[in-house]
């Protein structure tokens, strides 16, 4: 997989503000709060880059910001993940140039747009053989699995782990990455079809939480040993089952809230269930510097280039149809990745 070499020509910085179409919310709430509006796009200041967007990734965290679970000043844009072509760069930006294909996966909010100006620190060049759609789908979800598996709890191989929502966008990447590492991933799913999909992507075993007791089944699959780590992006609905699936001194990695936030946690339960550890990590703190972002991205790109991870774009939606996209995502009607096309 090859990266396009950045141009050596001088930065192109437009003097006037450009215009773009963008999804904006003026109050938190349901999908109807998202409006397609014409907005100004400021020229890039020092350390910034303006991108003509070709594809935008959809993620469950977008719903958290739309509903207000994660507070944000209003009015606000939405979306953290996208890919496109650099239109202009500000002073001091050297790692990308006008004309480069790029992608990003950690905001700031505002990816749901045809054009945007954002910090160049968070933008990486997209390899030539990766489409914009895959580029938009891979960064946030792929880097999430990278930090979960390689930083938060560094898997060495030969472990057995529990990963919730194994047939979702992050889950299918996790299934593949775990298999590549020689890790036995037990994935929770909601249907036989999703179980088959997770296994096709590398899951060792699956648990259908619609009719199976998760912790009991984990015990059966591990001959009573349970697992050293649980990766839980679901939240309150799986909190107790996750804790009950851990070995003594095991680590609970709570990285998302698809079913709602975990609240009112009594720390005493960690002692009662075996001196457990709990962490609530985020991508931003794991790729907080340019060097860390480049290292994590390089590992992700290498996994894709080697064929050990592939990205399935299950559905694409026009930017104007973002309401239906959010409804499908919230209803868990989807598997794999979803992309908006500006």
Protein backbone atom coordinates (compact mmCIF):
# COMPACT_ATOMS: atom_id res chain seq x y z
CA UNK A 1 0.00 0.00 0.00
CA UNK A 2 1.59 3.26 -1.14
CA UNK A 3 1.06 6.78 0.11
CA UNK A 4 0.94 9.59 -2.36
CA UNK A 5 3.95 11.87 -1.96
CA UNK A 6 3.02 15.38 -0.86
CA UNK A 7 3.53 18.16 -3.34
CA UNK A 8 6.47 20.53 -2.87
CA UNK A 9 4.61 23.52 -4.31
CA UNK A 10 3.80 26.45 -2.06
CA UNK A 11 0.66 26.23 0.07
CA UNK A 12 -2.51 27.47 -1.60
CA UNK A 13 -4.49 29.59 0.83
CA UNK A 14 -7.67 31.23 -0.51
CA UNK A 15 -8.25 34.77 0.71
CA UNK A 16 -12.02 34.52 0.86
CA UNK A 17 -14.31 32.18 2.73
CA UNK A 18 -15.69 29.29 0.72
CA UNK A 19 -19.20 27.89 0.98
CA UNK A 20 -20.30 24.38 1.78
CA UNK A 21 -23.34 22.31 2.64
CA UNK A 22 -23.24 20.87 6.12
CA UNK A 23 -25.49 19.07 8.60
CA UNK A 24 -26.11 21.27 11.64
CA UNK A 25 -28.11 20.84 14.84
CA UNK A 26 -29.43 23.80 16.86
CA UNK A 27 -30.81 21.67 19.70
CA UNK A 28 -30.32 18.09 20.83
CA UNK A 29 -32.95 15.47 20.06
CA UNK A 30 -33.98 12.98 17.41
CA UNK A 31 -32.89 12.64 13.77
CA UNK A 32 -35.26 15.47 12.83
CA UNK A 33 -32.94 17.96 14.56
CA UNK A 34 -30.33 17.52 11.80
CA UNK A 35 -30.66 20.17 9.09
CA UNK A 36 -28.73 20.53 5.83
CA UNK A 37 -27.57 24.15 5.71
CA UNK A 38 -25.25 26.30 3.65
CA UNK A 39 -22.30 27.44 5.78
CA UNK A 40 -19.15 29.51 5.49
CA UNK A 41 -15.84 27.66 5.44
CA UNK A 42 -12.96 29.81 6.66
CA UNK A 43 -9.62 29.61 4.86
CA UNK A 44 -7.04 27.59 6.78
CA UNK A 45 -5.16 29.43 9.49
CA UNK A 46 -1.72 28.36 10.65
CA UNK A 47 -1.72 24.63 11.36
CA UNK A 48 -5.02 24.04 9.55
CA UNK A 49 -6.13 22.40 6.31
CA UNK A 50 -9.23 22.75 4.13
CA UNK A 51 -10.61 19.50 2.71
CA UNK A 52 -13.08 18.88 -0.08
CA UNK A 53 -14.89 15.89 1.39
CA UNK A 54 -15.56 12.80 -0.72
CA UNK A 55 -16.97 10.49 1.98
CA UNK A 56 -17.95 10.71 5.64
CA UNK A 57 -18.07 7.87 8.17
CA UNK A 58 -21.07 7.26 10.44
CA UNK A 59 -20.49 6.12 14.01
CA UNK A 60 -22.59 5.56 17.11
CA UNK A 61 -20.79 8.41 18.86
CA UNK A 62 -22.51 10.75 16.38
CA UNK A 63 -25.82 9.79 17.96
CA UNK A 64 -24.45 10.53 21.44
CA UNK A 65 -23.70 14.12 20.39
CA UNK A 66 -27.00 14.53 18.54
CA UNK A 67 -29.05 13.40 21.55
CA UNK A 68 -27.00 15.29 24.12
CA UNK A 69 -25.57 12.24 25.91
CA UNK A 70 -22.24 13.91 25.15
CA UNK A 71 -22.87 17.65 25.65
CA UNK A 72 -21.63 20.14 23.05
CA UNK A 73 -22.29 23.87 22.54
CA UNK A 74 -25.11 24.68 20.10
CA UNK A 75 -25.38 25.11 17.20
CA UNK A 76 -23.09 22.27 16.25
CA UNK A 77 -21.92 20.13 13.41
CA UNK A 78 -21.73 16.35 13.66
CA UNK A 79 -19.31 13.62 12.64
CA UNK A 80 -15.68 12.83 13.40
CA UNK A 81 -14.53 10.77 10.41
CA UNK A 82 -14.00 11.60 6.77
CA UNK A 83 -11.86 11.43 3.65
CA UNK A 84 -11.27 13.75 0.74
CA UNK A 85 -8.81 15.95 -1.12
CA UNK A 86 -6.81 18.81 0.37
CA UNK A 87 -7.85 22.14 -1.14
CA UNK A 88 -5.54 24.39 0.86
CA UNK A 89 -3.13 24.35 3.77
CA UNK A 90 -2.23 26.99 6.32
CA UNK A 91 1.17 28.20 7.40
CA UNK A 92 3.40 25.60 8.99
CA UNK A 93 1.63 22.55 7.53
CA UNK A 94 4.23 20.30 5.92
CA UNK A 95 2.95 16.71 6.08
CA UNK A 96 0.16 17.28 3.53
CA UNK A 97 -0.25 19.63 0.55
CA UNK A 98 -2.97 20.79 -1.80
CA UNK A 99 -4.09 17.88 -4.00
CA UNK A 100 -3.27 15.13 -1.51
CA UNK A 101 -5.82 12.42 -0.73
CA UNK A 102 -6.34 12.41 3.04
CA UNK A 103 -8.43 10.92 5.83
CA UNK A 104 -9.06 11.59 9.51
CA UNK A 105 -10.92 9.92 12.35
CA UNK A 106 -11.05 12.04 15.47
CA UNK A 107 -12.76 15.30 14.76
CA UNK A 108 -13.33 17.99 15.76
CA UNK A 109 -17.06 17.72 15.13
CA UNK A 110 -18.15 18.77 11.67
CA UNK A 111 -17.40 15.92 9.28
CA UNK A 112 -20.98 15.89 7.95
CA UNK A 113 -20.16 18.47 5.27
CA UNK A 114 -19.08 18.86 1.67
CA UNK A 115 -16.06 20.95 2.68
CA UNK A 116 -14.39 21.80 6.00
CA UNK A 117 -11.37 23.45 7.58
CA UNK A 118 -9.82 21.58 10.50
CA UNK A 119 -6.54 21.05 12.41
CA UNK A 120 -3.95 19.50 10.11
CA UNK A 121 -2.50 17.58 13.08
CA UNK A 122 -5.35 15.07 12.82
CA UNK A 123 -5.13 14.48 9.06
CA UNK A 124 -3.09 11.69 7.44
CA UNK A 125 -2.41 10.94 3.80
CA UNK A 126 -4.60 8.17 2.41
CA UNK A 127 -2.83 5.40 0.49
CA UNK A 128 -3.55 5.49 -3.24
CA UNK A 129 -5.12 2.03 -3.26
CA UNK A 130 -7.66 2.85 -0.55
CA UNK A 131 -10.96 4.35 -1.75
CA UNK A 132 -12.41 7.46 -0.15
CA UNK A 133 -15.35 5.39 1.12
CA UNK A 134 -13.04 2.92 2.88
CA UNK A 135 -10.85 5.79 4.08
CA UNK A 136 -13.86 7.45 5.69
CA UNK A 137 -14.98 4.20 7.29
CA UNK A 138 -11.63 2.97 8.54
CA UNK A 139 -10.09 5.75 10.57
CA UNK A 140 -12.25 6.13 13.70
CA UNK A 141 -13.31 2.50 13.88
CA UNK A 142 -9.93 1.09 12.85
CA UNK A 143 -7.97 3.31 15.21
CA UNK A 144 -10.44 2.42 17.97
CA UNK A 145 -9.56 -1.26 17.61
CA UNK A 146 -5.87 -0.37 17.40
CA UNK A 147 -5.87 1.45 20.72
CA UNK A 148 -8.11 -1.13 22.40
CA UNK A 149 -6.02 -4.13 21.34
CA UNK A 150 -2.55 -2.61 21.18
CA UNK A 151 -2.57 0.09 23.86
CA UNK A 152 -5.40 -0.11 26.43
CA UNK A 153 -4.86 -3.85 26.96
CA UNK A 154 -2.05 -5.02 24.71
CA UNK A 155 -3.00 -8.43 23.41
CA UNK A 156 -0.07 -10.78 22.99
CA UNK A 157 -1.81 -13.72 21.31
CA UNK A 158 -3.35 -16.91 22.68
CA UNK A 159 -5.74 -14.99 24.96
CA UNK A 160 -9.48 -15.54 25.01
CA UNK A 161 -11.41 -12.25 25.15
CA UNK A 162 -15.01 -11.05 25.14
CA UNK A 163 -16.02 -8.35 22.64
CA UNK A 164 -19.56 -6.98 22.59
CA UNK A 165 -21.45 -6.13 19.37
CA UNK A 166 -19.10 -8.25 17.28
CA UNK A 167 -21.08 -7.77 14.06
CA UNK A 168 -21.02 -3.96 14.17
CA UNK A 169 -18.61 -1.66 12.40
CA UNK A 170 -15.99 -1.77 15.16
CA UNK A 171 -16.77 -5.39 16.00
CA UNK A 172 -16.04 -6.78 12.54
CA UNK A 173 -12.66 -5.05 12.54
CA UNK A 174 -12.00 -6.45 16.02
CA UNK A 175 -12.85 -9.97 14.88
CA UNK A 176 -10.31 -9.75 12.07
CA UNK A 177 -7.60 -8.10 14.16
CA UNK A 178 -8.00 -10.64 16.95
CA UNK A 179 -7.66 -13.53 14.52
CA UNK A 180 -4.53 -11.96 13.03
CA UNK A 181 -3.03 -11.76 16.52
CA UNK A 182 -3.90 -15.36 17.36
CA UNK A 183 -6.50 -14.28 19.90
CA UNK A 184 -9.74 -16.19 20.49
CA UNK A 185 -12.50 -13.59 20.33
CA UNK A 186 -15.89 -14.42 21.81
CA UNK A 187 -18.34 -11.97 20.28
CA UNK A 188 -21.84 -11.09 21.42
CA UNK A 189 -24.50 -10.74 18.69
CA UNK A 190 -28.28 -10.43 18.44
CA UNK A 191 -29.16 -12.96 15.72
CA UNK A 192 -27.94 -16.08 13.94
CA UNK A 193 -27.20 -13.99 10.86
CA UNK A 194 -24.94 -11.66 12.82
CA UNK A 195 -23.29 -14.65 14.49
CA UNK A 196 -22.43 -16.07 11.06
CA UNK A 197 -21.08 -12.70 9.95
CA UNK A 198 -18.85 -12.34 13.02
CA UNK A 199 -17.47 -15.84 12.56
CA UNK A 200 -16.83 -15.19 8.87
CA UNK A 201 -14.68 -12.26 9.97
CA UNK A 202 -12.66 -14.26 12.47
CA UNK A 203 -14.63 -14.57 15.71
CA UNK A 204 -13.74 -17.78 17.55
CA UNK A 205 -17.20 -18.17 19.09
CA UNK A 206 -20.35 -16.07 19.42
CA UNK A 207 -23.02 -15.58 22.06
CA UNK A 208 -26.53 -14.56 21.03
CA UNK A 209 -27.54 -12.28 23.88
CA UNK A 210 -31.19 -12.35 22.78
CA UNK A 211 -31.57 -15.78 24.37
CA UNK A 212 -28.23 -16.80 25.93
CA UNK A 213 -26.79 -15.83 29.32
CA UNK A 214 -23.56 -14.08 28.40
CA UNK A 215 -21.54 -14.71 31.56
CA UNK A 216 -22.71 -18.31 31.84
CA UNK A 217 -21.77 -18.99 28.23
CA UNK A 218 -18.36 -17.36 28.66
CA UNK A 219 -17.75 -19.70 31.57
CA UNK A 220 -18.69 -22.70 29.46
CA UNK A 221 -16.48 -21.65 26.55
CA UNK A 222 -13.48 -21.11 28.81
CA UNK A 223 -13.93 -24.19 31.03
CA UNK A 224 -14.68 -21.89 33.95
CA UNK A 225 -11.58 -19.73 33.55
CA UNK A 226 -13.46 -16.68 32.19
CA UNK A 227 -11.54 -13.94 30.32
CA UNK A 228 -8.78 -11.47 31.28
CA UNK A 229 -10.39 -8.55 29.43
CA UNK A 230 -13.83 -7.50 28.17
CA UNK A 231 -14.24 -4.81 25.51
CA UNK A 232 -17.68 -3.28 25.97
CA UNK A 233 -19.05 -0.58 23.68
CA UNK A 234 -22.68 -1.32 24.56
CA UNK A 235 -22.90 0.18 28.06
CA UNK A 236 -25.57 -0.29 30.68
CA UNK A 237 -27.26 -3.37 29.16
CA UNK A 238 -24.07 -5.45 29.29
CA UNK A 239 -22.30 -3.95 32.31
CA UNK A 240 -23.14 -6.70 34.82
CA UNK A 241 -22.60 -9.53 32.34
CA UNK A 242 -19.23 -8.06 31.42
CA UNK A 243 -18.07 -7.93 35.03
CA UNK A 244 -19.32 -11.48 35.62
CA UNK A 245 -17.29 -12.69 32.62
CA UNK A 246 -13.95 -11.48 33.99
CA UNK A 247 -11.26 -13.42 35.74
CA UNK A 248 -10.08 -12.13 39.13
CA UNK A 249 -8.05 -8.94 38.53
CA UNK A 250 -9.43 -8.79 35.00
CA UNK A 251 -9.89 -5.55 33.08
CA UNK A 252 -13.25 -4.12 32.04
CA UNK A 253 -12.76 -1.79 29.05
CA UNK A 254 -15.93 0.31 28.74
CA UNK A 255 -15.44 2.35 25.57
CA UNK A 256 -19.01 3.16 24.45
CA UNK A 257 -22.67 3.50 25.42
CA UNK A 258 -24.80 2.12 22.59
CA UNK A 259 -27.50 1.04 25.06
CA UNK A 260 -27.06 4.03 27.38
CA UNK A 261 -24.44 5.25 29.82
CA UNK A 262 -23.30 3.20 32.80
CA UNK A 263 -24.26 5.21 35.89
CA UNK A 264 -24.35 4.77 39.66
CA UNK A 265 -21.42 2.37 39.75
CA UNK A 266 -20.61 1.07 43.23
CA UNK A 267 -16.86 0.52 43.36
CA UNK A 268 -17.42 -2.18 45.97
CA UNK A 269 -18.76 -4.45 43.21
CA UNK A 270 -15.26 -4.57 41.72
CA UNK A 271 -13.94 -6.04 44.94
CA UNK A 272 -16.82 -8.47 45.28
CA UNK A 273 -16.31 -9.81 41.76
CA UNK A 274 -12.58 -10.37 42.09
CA UNK A 275 -10.50 -7.17 42.50
CA UNK A 276 -11.44 -6.07 38.99
CA UNK A 277 -10.06 -3.10 37.09
CA UNK A 278 -12.20 -0.73 34.99
CA UNK A 279 -11.14 1.85 32.42
CA UNK A 280 -13.11 4.27 30.24
CA UNK A 281 -10.69 5.06 27.39
CA UNK A 282 -11.08 7.35 24.38
CA UNK A 283 -9.27 7.50 21.06
CA UNK A 284 -8.15 11.09 21.58
CA UNK A 285 -5.97 10.33 24.58
CA UNK A 286 -4.28 7.44 22.76
CA UNK A 287 -3.33 9.48 19.66
CA UNK A 288 -2.81 12.84 21.35
CA UNK A 289 0.40 13.69 19.48
CA UNK A 290 1.35 13.58 15.83
CA UNK A 291 3.89 10.81 16.54
CA UNK A 292 1.29 8.66 18.31
CA UNK A 293 -1.28 9.19 15.56
CA UNK A 294 1.23 8.26 12.86
CA UNK A 295 2.31 5.13 14.74
CA UNK A 296 -1.28 3.95 15.26
CA UNK A 297 -2.26 4.78 11.68
CA UNK A 298 0.80 3.01 10.27
CA UNK A 299 -0.19 -0.19 12.10
CA UNK A 300 -3.78 0.11 10.85
CA UNK A 301 -2.71 0.72 7.24
CA UNK A 302 -0.30 -2.23 7.41
CA UNK A 303 -3.08 -4.53 8.58
CA UNK A 304 -5.23 -3.39 5.65
CA UNK A 305 -2.38 -3.61 3.11
CA UNK A 306 -1.58 -7.16 4.20
CA UNK A 307 -5.18 -8.24 3.68
CA UNK A 308 -5.61 -9.23 7.32
CA UNK A 309 -8.33 -6.58 7.73
CA UNK A 310 -10.90 -5.62 5.14
CA UNK A 311 -13.60 -3.00 5.44
CA UNK A 312 -17.14 -3.83 4.40
CA UNK A 313 -19.15 -0.76 3.37
CA UNK A 314 -22.64 -2.10 3.96
CA UNK A 315 -24.59 1.03 3.12
CA UNK A 316 -24.04 4.49 1.68
CA UNK A 317 -26.41 7.44 2.07
CA UNK A 318 -26.56 10.88 0.48
CA UNK A 319 -25.64 13.61 2.97
CA UNK A 320 -29.21 14.91 2.78
CA UNK A 321 -30.50 11.49 3.90
CA UNK A 322 -28.59 11.52 7.18
CA UNK A 323 -31.79 11.19 9.22
CA UNK A 324 -32.54 7.77 7.78
CA UNK A 325 -28.93 6.76 8.30
CA UNK A 326 -29.13 7.62 11.99
CA UNK A 327 -32.41 5.74 12.34
CA UNK A 328 -30.89 2.62 10.79
CA UNK A 329 -27.80 2.91 12.97
CA UNK A 330 -29.79 3.38 16.19
CA UNK A 331 -32.09 0.46 15.35
CA UNK A 332 -29.03 -1.77 14.88
CA UNK A 333 -30.33 -2.77 11.46
CA UNK A 334 -26.84 -2.57 10.07
CA UNK A 335 -23.62 -4.54 10.09
CA UNK A 336 -20.22 -3.37 8.95
CA UNK A 337 -19.65 0.29 8.07
CA UNK A 338 -21.98 3.06 6.90
CA UNK A 339 -20.85 6.05 4.86
CA UNK A 340 -22.37 9.39 3.89
CA UNK A 341 -21.61 10.71 0.39
CA UNK A 342 -21.49 14.55 0.34
